Amino acid sequence: MLSYTELKKGIVFSMDNQPYEVLESNFLRMQQRKAVVQAKIRNLISGKVLDRNFQPSDQLEEIELEKSSAVFIYSNRGEFWFHEEGNPKNRFSLPAEVLGEAANFLKSNTVINSVSFNGKVIKINIPIKMDLKVTEAPPSIKGNTAQGGTKSVTLETGAKISAPLFINTGDIVRVNTETGEYVERVEKRN
């Protein structure tokens, strides 16, 4: 059992027979009142985010999630399809709402980690840094670099990121998938 003070970012617990993940938590103590923990939590099945206050009387059950490797196949109409690594027949899909921002950086044959609760896949974790090809980049304008300019480029997955002016169409760039930011150029177009 978890006490309310143990709710930190990343902790997964069960509430109302549903798995929840803590996104943010703050300890709050007001004058002559009981201390509470204000937490922003996400339902791992539906993807809904809730704001909730937890009090000392609340007892929460910490749960263990099963983790395994899977491979991303394709997406169609908001459904993202995966198969178990080494077993292409065992497929599963997740809606875009559950994937969140990670959906912007998925490309075919990417190996990801899947998280299961009671035998059902509820979440995926993609690599923190991924190499993606730039499909669209406007030309940079000479003399436009007084403050170290950036421009918006489109990646092979359809995601748009802000990148330095020297990035061109066809370059391969490394992107931080947690923040959606450009990290470095991996390969220059020939």
N, C-alpha and C. Protein backbone atom coordinates (compact mmCIF):
# COMPACT_ATOMS: atom_id res chain seq x y z
N MET A 1 0.83 -1.20 0.00
CA MET A 1 0.00 0.00 0.00
C MET A 1 0.87 1.25 0.00
N LEU A 2 0.43 2.24 -0.75
CA LEU A 2 1.13 3.51 -0.83
C LEU A 2 0.44 4.53 0.07
N SER A 3 1.23 5.35 0.73
CA SER A 3 0.63 6.47 1.45
C SER A 3 0.59 7.66 0.50
N TYR A 4 -0.17 8.66 0.85
CA TYR A 4 -0.35 9.80 -0.05
C TYR A 4 0.96 10.57 -0.29
N THR A 5 1.92 10.49 0.64
CA THR A 5 3.18 11.22 0.48
C THR A 5 4.13 10.52 -0.50
N GLU A 6 3.85 9.27 -0.85
CA GLU A 6 4.71 8.53 -1.78
C GLU A 6 4.32 8.73 -3.24
N LEU A 7 3.33 9.58 -3.50
CA LEU A 7 2.90 9.82 -4.88
C LEU A 7 3.87 10.78 -5.55
N LYS A 8 4.76 10.24 -6.32
CA LYS A 8 5.76 11.02 -7.06
C LYS A 8 5.57 10.77 -8.54
N LYS A 9 6.16 11.59 -9.37
CA LYS A 9 6.05 11.45 -10.82
C LYS A 9 6.51 10.06 -11.26
N GLY A 10 5.68 9.40 -12.08
CA GLY A 10 6.03 8.09 -12.61
C GLY A 10 5.49 6.91 -11.82
N ILE A 11 5.00 7.14 -10.60
CA ILE A 11 4.44 6.04 -9.79
C ILE A 11 3.13 5.58 -10.43
N VAL A 12 2.93 4.28 -10.51
CA VAL A 12 1.70 3.71 -11.06
C VAL A 12 0.95 3.03 -9.92
N PHE A 13 -0.35 3.35 -9.79
CA PHE A 13 -1.15 2.79 -8.71
C PHE A 13 -2.55 2.46 -9.22
N SER A 14 -3.28 1.70 -8.41
CA SER A 14 -4.64 1.30 -8.77
C SER A 14 -5.63 2.11 -7.93
N MET A 15 -6.64 2.67 -8.60
CA MET A 15 -7.70 3.40 -7.92
C MET A 15 -9.00 3.05 -8.66
N ASP A 16 -10.00 2.59 -7.97
CA ASP A 16 -11.26 2.16 -8.57
C ASP A 16 -11.04 1.08 -9.63
N ASN A 17 -10.13 0.16 -9.37
CA ASN A 17 -9.78 -0.95 -10.28
C ASN A 17 -9.29 -0.47 -11.65
N GLN A 18 -8.71 0.71 -11.69
CA GLN A 18 -8.14 1.26 -12.92
C GLN A 18 -6.69 1.65 -12.64
N PRO A 19 -5.78 1.43 -13.60
CA PRO A 19 -4.39 1.86 -13.39
C PRO A 19 -4.22 3.35 -13.69
N TYR A 20 -3.52 4.05 -12.80
CA TYR A 20 -3.24 5.47 -12.97
C TYR A 20 -1.75 5.71 -12.82
N GLU A 21 -1.26 6.71 -13.55
CA GLU A 21 0.14 7.12 -13.46
C GLU A 21 0.18 8.56 -12.98
N VAL A 22 1.08 8.86 -12.05
CA VAL A 22 1.21 10.22 -11.53
C VAL A 22 2.05 11.03 -12.52
N LEU A 23 1.49 12.15 -13.01
CA LEU A 23 2.21 13.04 -13.92
C LEU A 23 2.91 14.16 -13.16
N GLU A 24 2.23 14.71 -12.16
CA GLU A 24 2.78 15.78 -11.31
C GLU A 24 2.22 15.62 -9.91
N SER A 25 3.00 16.04 -8.92
CA SER A 25 2.45 16.03 -7.56
C SER A 25 3.08 17.16 -6.74
N ASN A 26 2.25 17.78 -5.90
CA ASN A 26 2.70 18.86 -5.02
C ASN A 26 2.14 18.62 -3.63
N PHE A 27 2.99 18.79 -2.63
CA PHE A 27 2.56 18.67 -1.24
C PHE A 27 2.06 20.03 -0.80
N LEU A 28 0.85 20.08 -0.26
CA LEU A 28 0.23 21.35 0.09
C LEU A 28 -0.25 21.32 1.54
N ARG A 29 0.19 22.31 2.32
CA ARG A 29 -0.24 22.40 3.71
C ARG A 29 -0.77 23.81 3.95
N MET A 30 -2.06 23.89 4.25
CA MET A 30 -2.68 25.19 4.52
C MET A 30 -2.90 25.32 6.03
N GLN A 31 -3.08 26.56 6.48
CA GLN A 31 -3.22 26.81 7.91
C GLN A 31 -4.35 26.00 8.52
N GLN A 32 -4.07 25.33 9.61
CA GLN A 32 -5.01 24.58 10.43
C GLN A 32 -5.86 23.59 9.64
N ARG A 33 -5.33 23.11 8.55
CA ARG A 33 -6.01 22.07 7.79
C ARG A 33 -5.07 20.90 7.63
N LYS A 34 -5.62 19.77 7.26
CA LYS A 34 -4.78 18.61 7.01
C LYS A 34 -3.96 18.83 5.75
N ALA A 35 -2.77 18.28 5.77
CA ALA A 35 -1.92 18.37 4.59
C ALA A 35 -2.49 17.47 3.50
N VAL A 36 -2.39 17.93 2.25
CA VAL A 36 -2.87 17.14 1.12
C VAL A 36 -1.79 17.11 0.03
N VAL A 37 -1.91 16.14 -0.84
CA VAL A 37 -1.05 16.08 -2.01
C VAL A 37 -1.95 16.32 -3.22
N GLN A 38 -1.65 17.42 -3.94
CA GLN A 38 -2.36 17.70 -5.18
C GLN A 38 -1.62 16.97 -6.29
N ALA A 39 -2.34 16.15 -7.04
CA ALA A 39 -1.69 15.35 -8.08
C ALA A 39 -2.45 15.44 -9.38
N LYS A 40 -1.69 15.42 -10.46
CA LYS A 40 -2.26 15.29 -11.79
C LYS A 40 -1.98 13.86 -12.20
N ILE A 41 -3.04 13.09 -12.44
CA ILE A 41 -2.89 11.67 -12.74
C ILE A 41 -3.55 11.34 -14.08
N ARG A 42 -3.01 10.31 -14.75
CA ARG A 42 -3.56 9.89 -16.04
C ARG A 42 -4.04 8.45 -15.93
N ASN A 43 -5.28 8.22 -16.37
CA ASN A 43 -5.81 6.87 -16.46
C ASN A 43 -5.09 6.18 -17.62
N LEU A 44 -4.40 5.08 -17.36
CA LEU A 44 -3.58 4.43 -18.38
C LEU A 44 -4.41 3.66 -19.40
N ILE A 45 -5.68 3.44 -19.14
CA ILE A 45 -6.52 2.74 -20.12
C ILE A 45 -7.22 3.74 -21.04
N SER A 46 -7.86 4.75 -20.48
CA SER A 46 -8.61 5.71 -21.29
C SER A 46 -7.75 6.89 -21.74
N GLY A 47 -6.66 7.17 -21.02
CA GLY A 47 -5.80 8.30 -21.37
C GLY A 47 -6.25 9.62 -20.77
N LYS A 48 -7.37 9.63 -20.02
CA LYS A 48 -7.88 10.87 -19.44
C LYS A 48 -6.99 11.34 -18.30
N VAL A 49 -6.79 12.66 -18.23
CA VAL A 49 -5.97 13.27 -17.18
C VAL A 49 -6.90 13.91 -16.15
N LEU A 50 -6.65 13.62 -14.87
CA LEU A 50 -7.46 14.16 -13.78
C LEU A 50 -6.59 14.93 -12.80
N ASP A 51 -7.19 15.93 -12.15
CA ASP A 51 -6.56 16.60 -11.02
C ASP A 51 -7.26 16.08 -9.78
N ARG A 52 -6.48 15.61 -8.81
CA ARG A 52 -7.08 15.00 -7.63
C ARG A 52 -6.26 15.34 -6.40
N ASN A 53 -6.93 15.53 -5.27
CA ASN A 53 -6.26 15.75 -3.99
C ASN A 53 -6.30 14.46 -3.19
N PHE A 54 -5.16 14.07 -2.63
CA PHE A 54 -5.08 12.87 -1.80
C PHE A 54 -4.80 13.28 -0.37
N GLN A 55 -5.46 12.62 0.58
CA GLN A 55 -5.35 12.96 1.99
C GLN A 55 -4.70 11.82 2.75
N PRO A 56 -4.30 12.06 4.00
CA PRO A 56 -3.61 11.00 4.77
C PRO A 56 -4.42 9.72 4.92
N SER A 57 -5.74 9.80 4.88
CA SER A 57 -6.57 8.61 5.04
C SER A 57 -6.62 7.75 3.77
N ASP A 58 -6.18 8.29 2.63
CA ASP A 58 -6.22 7.54 1.37
C ASP A 58 -5.13 6.47 1.35
N GLN A 59 -5.53 5.24 1.07
CA GLN A 59 -4.58 4.14 0.89
C GLN A 59 -4.67 3.68 -0.55
N LEU A 60 -3.55 3.71 -1.25
CA LEU A 60 -3.52 3.37 -2.66
C LEU A 60 -2.66 2.13 -2.87
N GLU A 61 -3.08 1.30 -3.80
CA GLU A 61 -2.35 0.07 -4.07
C GLU A 61 -1.41 0.27 -5.25
N GLU A 62 -0.11 0.07 -5.00
CA GLU A 62 0.87 0.17 -6.08
C GLU A 62 0.77 -1.10 -6.91
N ILE A 63 0.83 -0.94 -8.24
CA ILE A 63 0.69 -2.11 -9.10
C ILE A 63 1.94 -2.31 -9.93
N GLU A 64 2.16 -3.54 -10.29
CA GLU A 64 3.28 -3.89 -11.17
C GLU A 64 2.73 -4.07 -12.57
N LEU A 65 3.40 -3.46 -13.52
CA LEU A 65 3.00 -3.59 -14.91
C LEU A 65 3.98 -4.50 -15.63
N GLU A 66 3.47 -5.29 -16.56
CA GLU A 66 4.32 -6.18 -17.35
C GLU A 66 4.88 -5.38 -18.52
N LYS A 67 6.17 -5.56 -18.80
CA LYS A 67 6.81 -4.84 -19.90
C LYS A 67 7.37 -5.85 -20.89
N SER A 68 7.20 -5.55 -22.18
CA SER A 68 7.75 -6.41 -23.22
C SER A 68 8.07 -5.56 -24.45
N SER A 69 8.81 -6.14 -25.39
CA SER A 69 9.18 -5.42 -26.61
C SER A 69 8.14 -5.67 -27.69
N ALA A 70 7.91 -4.64 -28.51
CA ALA A 70 6.99 -4.74 -29.63
C ALA A 70 7.55 -3.90 -30.78
N VAL A 71 6.98 -4.09 -31.97
CA VAL A 71 7.43 -3.37 -33.16
C VAL A 71 6.23 -2.63 -33.74
N PHE A 72 6.43 -1.34 -34.07
CA PHE A 72 5.36 -0.55 -34.69
C PHE A 72 5.25 -0.94 -36.15
N ILE A 73 4.02 -1.19 -36.63
CA ILE A 73 3.81 -1.60 -38.02
C ILE A 73 3.31 -0.41 -38.85
N TYR A 74 2.12 0.11 -38.52
CA TYR A 74 1.54 1.21 -39.29
C TYR A 74 0.43 1.87 -38.48
N SER A 75 -0.06 3.01 -39.00
CA SER A 75 -1.21 3.66 -38.38
C SER A 75 -2.28 3.87 -39.44
N ASN A 76 -3.54 3.80 -39.00
CA ASN A 76 -4.66 3.98 -39.92
C ASN A 76 -5.84 4.54 -39.14
N ARG A 77 -6.31 5.71 -39.55
CA ARG A 77 -7.50 6.34 -38.94
C ARG A 77 -7.43 6.43 -37.43
N GLY A 78 -6.31 6.89 -36.92
CA GLY A 78 -6.17 7.09 -35.48
C GLY A 78 -5.86 5.83 -34.69
N GLU A 79 -5.70 4.69 -35.35
CA GLU A 79 -5.31 3.45 -34.69
C GLU A 79 -3.87 3.14 -35.05
N PHE A 80 -3.07 2.83 -34.04
CA PHE A 80 -1.66 2.50 -34.25
C PHE A 80 -1.47 1.01 -33.99
N TRP A 81 -0.95 0.29 -34.98
CA TRP A 81 -0.82 -1.17 -34.91
C TRP A 81 0.60 -1.59 -34.61
N PHE A 82 0.74 -2.59 -33.74
CA PHE A 82 2.02 -3.12 -33.30
C PHE A 82 1.97 -4.64 -33.34
N HIS A 83 3.14 -5.28 -33.33
CA HIS A 83 3.18 -6.73 -33.13
C HIS A 83 4.29 -7.04 -32.13
N GLU A 84 4.13 -8.18 -31.47
CA GLU A 84 5.13 -8.63 -30.51
C GLU A 84 6.45 -8.86 -31.24
N GLU A 85 7.55 -8.46 -30.61
CA GLU A 85 8.85 -8.67 -31.25
C GLU A 85 9.12 -10.17 -31.36
N GLY A 86 9.44 -10.62 -32.56
CA GLY A 86 9.70 -12.03 -32.80
C GLY A 86 8.45 -12.85 -33.08
N ASN A 87 7.26 -12.24 -32.98
CA ASN A 87 6.02 -12.95 -33.24
C ASN A 87 5.05 -12.03 -33.99
N PRO A 88 5.24 -11.87 -35.31
CA PRO A 88 4.42 -10.93 -36.09
C PRO A 88 2.92 -11.26 -36.10
N LYS A 89 2.55 -12.49 -35.76
CA LYS A 89 1.13 -12.85 -35.76
C LYS A 89 0.38 -12.27 -34.57
N ASN A 90 1.08 -12.01 -33.48
CA ASN A 90 0.44 -11.50 -32.27
C ASN A 90 0.39 -9.98 -32.33
N ARG A 91 -0.70 -9.43 -32.88
CA ARG A 91 -0.82 -7.98 -33.10
C ARG A 91 -1.78 -7.35 -32.09
N PHE A 92 -1.56 -6.05 -31.88
CA PHE A 92 -2.48 -5.27 -31.04
C PHE A 92 -2.49 -3.84 -31.54
N SER A 93 -3.53 -3.10 -31.20
CA SER A 93 -3.62 -1.70 -31.62
C SER A 93 -3.93 -0.82 -30.42
N LEU A 94 -3.53 0.44 -30.55
CA LEU A 94 -3.82 1.44 -29.52
C LEU A 94 -4.33 2.70 -30.21
N PRO A 95 -5.31 3.39 -29.61
CA PRO A 95 -5.78 4.65 -30.20
C PRO A 95 -4.78 5.78 -29.98
N ALA A 96 -4.85 6.80 -30.83
CA ALA A 96 -3.93 7.94 -30.76
C ALA A 96 -4.00 8.65 -29.41
N GLU A 97 -5.18 8.67 -28.76
CA GLU A 97 -5.32 9.35 -27.47
C GLU A 97 -4.42 8.73 -26.40
N VAL A 98 -4.27 7.41 -26.45
CA VAL A 98 -3.44 6.72 -25.45
C VAL A 98 -1.95 7.01 -25.70
N LEU A 99 -1.55 7.10 -26.97
CA LEU A 99 -0.14 7.34 -27.30
C LEU A 99 0.29 8.77 -26.99
N GLY A 100 -0.60 9.72 -27.15
CA GLY A 100 -0.27 11.12 -26.90
C GLY A 100 0.75 11.64 -27.90
N GLU A 101 1.74 12.40 -27.42
CA GLU A 101 2.75 13.01 -28.28
C GLU A 101 3.67 11.99 -28.94
N ALA A 102 3.79 10.80 -28.37
CA ALA A 102 4.67 9.77 -28.93
C ALA A 102 4.23 9.39 -30.34
N ALA A 103 2.95 9.53 -30.65
CA ALA A 103 2.44 9.18 -31.98
C ALA A 103 3.09 10.00 -33.09
N ASN A 104 3.56 11.20 -32.78
CA ASN A 104 4.17 12.07 -33.78
C ASN A 104 5.53 11.57 -34.27
N PHE A 105 6.16 10.68 -33.53
CA PHE A 105 7.53 10.29 -33.86
C PHE A 105 7.68 8.81 -34.19
N LEU A 106 6.56 8.10 -34.37
CA LEU A 106 6.63 6.67 -34.69
C LEU A 106 6.80 6.46 -36.19
N LYS A 107 7.77 5.63 -36.55
CA LYS A 107 7.91 5.23 -37.95
C LYS A 107 7.95 3.71 -38.00
N SER A 108 7.64 3.14 -39.15
CA SER A 108 7.55 1.69 -39.31
C SER A 108 8.81 0.99 -38.85
N ASN A 109 8.62 -0.17 -38.26
CA ASN A 109 9.69 -1.06 -37.76
C ASN A 109 10.46 -0.49 -36.58
N THR A 110 9.91 0.49 -35.88
CA THR A 110 10.54 1.01 -34.67
C THR A 110 10.24 0.06 -33.52
N VAL A 111 11.29 -0.37 -32.81
CA VAL A 111 11.11 -1.24 -31.64
C VAL A 111 10.78 -0.36 -30.44
N ILE A 112 9.68 -0.70 -29.77
CA ILE A 112 9.22 0.07 -28.61
C ILE A 112 9.03 -0.88 -27.44
N ASN A 113 8.80 -0.32 -26.26
CA ASN A 113 8.47 -1.12 -25.08
C ASN A 113 6.97 -0.98 -24.82
N SER A 114 6.28 -2.10 -24.71
CA SER A 114 4.85 -2.06 -24.41
C SER A 114 4.64 -2.37 -22.94
N VAL A 115 3.62 -1.74 -22.35
CA VAL A 115 3.30 -1.92 -20.95
C VAL A 115 1.91 -2.53 -20.86
N SER A 116 1.80 -3.67 -20.14
CA SER A 116 0.52 -4.38 -20.04
C SER A 116 -0.02 -4.37 -18.61
N PHE A 117 -1.34 -4.32 -18.49
CA PHE A 117 -2.03 -4.40 -17.21
C PHE A 117 -3.11 -5.46 -17.36
N ASN A 118 -3.05 -6.51 -16.54
CA ASN A 118 -3.99 -7.63 -16.62
C ASN A 118 -4.04 -8.24 -18.03
N GLY A 119 -2.88 -8.36 -18.67
CA GLY A 119 -2.80 -9.00 -19.97
C GLY A 119 -3.19 -8.13 -21.15
N LYS A 120 -3.55 -6.87 -20.93
CA LYS A 120 -3.95 -5.96 -22.01
C LYS A 120 -2.94 -4.84 -22.11
N VAL A 121 -2.45 -4.56 -23.34
CA VAL A 121 -1.48 -3.49 -23.54
C VAL A 121 -2.19 -2.15 -23.35
N ILE A 122 -1.65 -1.31 -22.47
CA ILE A 122 -2.30 -0.03 -22.16
C ILE A 122 -1.44 1.18 -22.52
N LYS A 123 -0.15 0.96 -22.77
CA LYS A 123 0.75 2.09 -22.97
C LYS A 123 1.99 1.61 -23.69
N ILE A 124 2.64 2.53 -24.42
CA ILE A 124 3.94 2.20 -25.01
C ILE A 124 4.95 3.27 -24.62
N ASN A 125 6.21 2.88 -24.61
CA ASN A 125 7.31 3.82 -24.39
C ASN A 125 8.22 3.74 -25.60
N ILE A 126 8.37 4.88 -26.30
CA ILE A 126 9.25 4.89 -27.48
C ILE A 126 10.63 5.35 -27.04
N PRO A 127 11.67 5.08 -27.86
CA PRO A 127 13.01 5.54 -27.50
C PRO A 127 13.03 7.06 -27.28
N ILE A 128 13.86 7.53 -26.36
CA ILE A 128 13.91 8.96 -26.05
C ILE A 128 14.45 9.76 -27.22
N LYS A 129 15.43 9.22 -27.93
CA LYS A 129 15.97 9.90 -29.10
C LYS A 129 15.79 9.03 -30.33
N MET A 130 15.26 9.63 -31.40
CA MET A 130 15.04 8.90 -32.65
C MET A 130 15.61 9.70 -33.81
N ASP A 131 16.12 8.97 -34.81
CA ASP A 131 16.64 9.59 -36.03
C ASP A 131 15.54 9.57 -37.08
N LEU A 132 15.19 10.76 -37.57
CA LEU A 132 14.11 10.89 -38.55
C LEU A 132 14.58 11.74 -39.73
N LYS A 133 14.06 11.43 -40.91
CA LYS A 133 14.43 12.15 -42.13
C LYS A 133 13.56 13.39 -42.29
N VAL A 134 14.19 14.49 -42.72
CA VAL A 134 13.47 15.74 -42.96
C VAL A 134 12.87 15.66 -44.37
N THR A 135 11.54 15.79 -44.48
CA THR A 135 10.89 15.71 -45.79
C THR A 135 10.60 17.09 -46.37
N GLU A 136 10.52 18.10 -45.51
CA GLU A 136 10.21 19.44 -45.98
C GLU A 136 10.94 20.45 -45.12
N ALA A 137 11.73 21.32 -45.77
CA ALA A 137 12.44 22.37 -45.04
C ALA A 137 12.52 23.60 -45.94
N PRO A 138 11.96 24.72 -45.50
CA PRO A 138 12.04 25.93 -46.32
C PRO A 138 13.50 26.40 -46.44
N PRO A 139 13.86 27.03 -47.55
CA PRO A 139 15.24 27.49 -47.69
C PRO A 139 15.55 28.60 -46.67
N SER A 140 16.80 28.60 -46.20
CA SER A 140 17.19 29.65 -45.25
C SER A 140 17.57 30.90 -46.04
N ILE A 141 17.35 32.03 -45.42
CA ILE A 141 17.64 33.31 -46.08
C ILE A 141 18.91 33.88 -45.48
N LYS A 142 19.87 34.23 -46.34
CA LYS A 142 21.15 34.76 -45.88
C LYS A 142 20.92 36.08 -45.14
N GLY A 143 21.64 36.24 -44.04
CA GLY A 143 21.50 37.46 -43.24
C GLY A 143 20.38 37.37 -42.22
N ASN A 144 19.80 36.20 -42.07
CA ASN A 144 18.68 36.01 -41.16
C ASN A 144 19.11 35.34 -39.87
N THR A 145 20.41 35.42 -39.53
CA THR A 145 20.92 34.62 -38.41
C THR A 145 21.48 35.45 -37.26
N ALA A 146 21.01 36.65 -37.07
CA ALA A 146 21.56 37.48 -36.00
C ALA A 146 21.38 36.85 -34.62
N GLN A 147 20.28 36.15 -34.41
CA GLN A 147 20.03 35.50 -33.13
C GLN A 147 20.10 33.98 -33.24
N GLY A 148 20.88 33.46 -34.16
CA GLY A 148 20.97 32.00 -34.31
C GLY A 148 19.63 31.43 -34.71
N GLY A 149 19.18 31.74 -35.90
CA GLY A 149 17.83 31.46 -36.36
C GLY A 149 17.44 30.00 -36.41
N THR A 150 16.13 29.78 -36.36
CA THR A 150 15.56 28.45 -36.51
C THR A 150 14.43 28.53 -37.52
N LYS A 151 14.03 27.35 -38.03
CA LYS A 151 12.91 27.28 -38.95
C LYS A 151 12.12 26.03 -38.64
N SER A 152 10.88 26.00 -39.10
CA SER A 152 10.02 24.84 -38.87
C SER A 152 10.21 23.85 -40.02
N VAL A 153 10.55 22.60 -39.68
CA VAL A 153 10.75 21.56 -40.69
C VAL A 153 9.77 20.42 -40.42
N THR A 154 9.44 19.69 -41.50
CA THR A 154 8.53 18.55 -41.40
C THR A 154 9.34 17.27 -41.49
N LEU A 155 9.06 16.32 -40.60
CA LEU A 155 9.76 15.04 -40.57
C LEU A 155 8.97 13.97 -41.34
N GLU A 156 9.61 12.83 -41.58
CA GLU A 156 8.99 11.74 -42.33
C GLU A 156 7.72 11.21 -41.68
N THR A 157 7.54 11.43 -40.39
CA THR A 157 6.34 10.97 -39.70
C THR A 157 5.21 11.99 -39.77
N GLY A 158 5.49 13.17 -40.31
CA GLY A 158 4.49 14.23 -40.39
C GLY A 158 4.60 15.25 -39.28
N ALA A 159 5.46 14.99 -38.30
CA ALA A 159 5.64 15.92 -37.17
C ALA A 159 6.41 17.15 -37.63
N LYS A 160 6.09 18.29 -37.04
CA LYS A 160 6.82 19.53 -37.33
C LYS A 160 7.63 19.90 -36.09
N ILE A 161 8.91 20.21 -36.31
CA ILE A 161 9.77 20.63 -35.21
C ILE A 161 10.53 21.88 -35.64
N SER A 162 11.11 22.55 -34.67
CA SER A 162 11.94 23.72 -34.92
C SER A 162 13.39 23.26 -35.01
N ALA A 163 14.06 23.62 -36.11
CA ALA A 163 15.44 23.16 -36.34
C ALA A 163 16.29 24.34 -36.79
N PRO A 164 17.62 24.24 -36.68
CA PRO A 164 18.50 25.32 -37.15
C PRO A 164 18.37 25.55 -38.65
N LEU A 165 18.80 26.72 -39.10
CA LEU A 165 18.66 27.11 -40.50
C LEU A 165 19.46 26.23 -41.46
N PHE A 166 20.52 25.56 -41.00
CA PHE A 166 21.34 24.76 -41.91
C PHE A 166 20.74 23.40 -42.25
N ILE A 167 19.62 23.04 -41.64
CA ILE A 167 18.96 21.77 -41.93
C ILE A 167 18.20 21.89 -43.25
N ASN A 168 18.41 20.91 -44.16
CA ASN A 168 17.77 20.91 -45.47
C ASN A 168 16.93 19.65 -45.66
N THR A 169 16.10 19.66 -46.69
CA THR A 169 15.30 18.49 -47.05
C THR A 169 16.24 17.33 -47.36
N GLY A 170 15.94 16.15 -46.80
CA GLY A 170 16.77 14.97 -47.03
C GLY A 170 17.75 14.68 -45.91
N ASP A 171 18.03 15.66 -45.05
CA ASP A 171 18.92 15.44 -43.90
C ASP A 171 18.24 14.51 -42.90
N ILE A 172 19.03 13.79 -42.13
CA ILE A 172 18.50 12.96 -41.04
C ILE A 172 18.88 13.64 -39.74
N VAL A 173 17.87 13.91 -38.91
CA VAL A 173 18.10 14.62 -37.65
C VAL A 173 17.69 13.73 -36.48
N ARG A 174 18.33 13.96 -35.33
CA ARG A 174 17.98 13.26 -34.10
C ARG A 174 17.04 14.17 -33.31
N VAL A 175 15.94 13.59 -32.85
CA VAL A 175 14.89 14.34 -32.16
C VAL A 175 14.67 13.74 -30.78
N ASN A 176 14.50 14.58 -29.77
CA ASN A 176 14.13 14.14 -28.43
C ASN A 176 12.61 13.95 -28.44
N THR A 177 12.15 12.71 -28.28
CA THR A 177 10.73 12.41 -28.39
C THR A 177 9.93 12.86 -27.17
N GLU A 178 10.58 13.10 -26.04
CA GLU A 178 9.86 13.57 -24.85
C GLU A 178 9.50 15.04 -24.97
N THR A 179 10.43 15.85 -25.53
CA THR A 179 10.19 17.28 -25.62
C THR A 179 9.82 17.73 -27.02
N GLY A 180 10.07 16.88 -28.03
CA GLY A 180 9.79 17.25 -29.41
C GLY A 180 10.79 18.25 -29.97
N GLU A 181 12.01 18.27 -29.41
CA GLU A 181 13.01 19.24 -29.83
C GLU A 181 14.11 18.59 -30.67
N TYR A 182 14.67 19.40 -31.57
CA TYR A 182 15.81 19.00 -32.38
C TYR A 182 17.02 18.81 -31.47
N VAL A 183 17.81 17.74 -31.68
CA VAL A 183 19.01 17.50 -30.89
C VAL A 183 20.26 17.75 -31.72
N GLU A 184 20.37 17.04 -32.87
CA GLU A 184 21.54 17.21 -33.73
C GLU A 184 21.25 16.65 -35.12
N ARG A 185 22.10 17.04 -36.09
CA ARG A 185 22.01 16.45 -37.41
C ARG A 185 22.88 15.21 -37.43
N VAL A 186 22.30 14.10 -37.85
CA VAL A 186 23.00 12.82 -37.87
C VAL A 186 23.69 12.59 -39.22
N GLU A 187 22.96 12.92 -40.28
CA GLU A 187 23.48 12.66 -41.62
C GLU A 187 23.06 13.79 -42.54
N LYS A 188 24.00 14.31 -43.32
CA LYS A 188 23.72 15.38 -44.26
C LYS A 188 23.35 14.77 -45.60
N ARG A 189 22.38 15.37 -46.26
CA ARG A 189 21.94 14.91 -47.58
C ARG A 189 23.08 15.08 -48.57
N ASN A 190 23.25 14.09 -49.43
CA ASN A 190 24.30 14.17 -50.44
C ASN A 190 23.86 14.93 -51.65
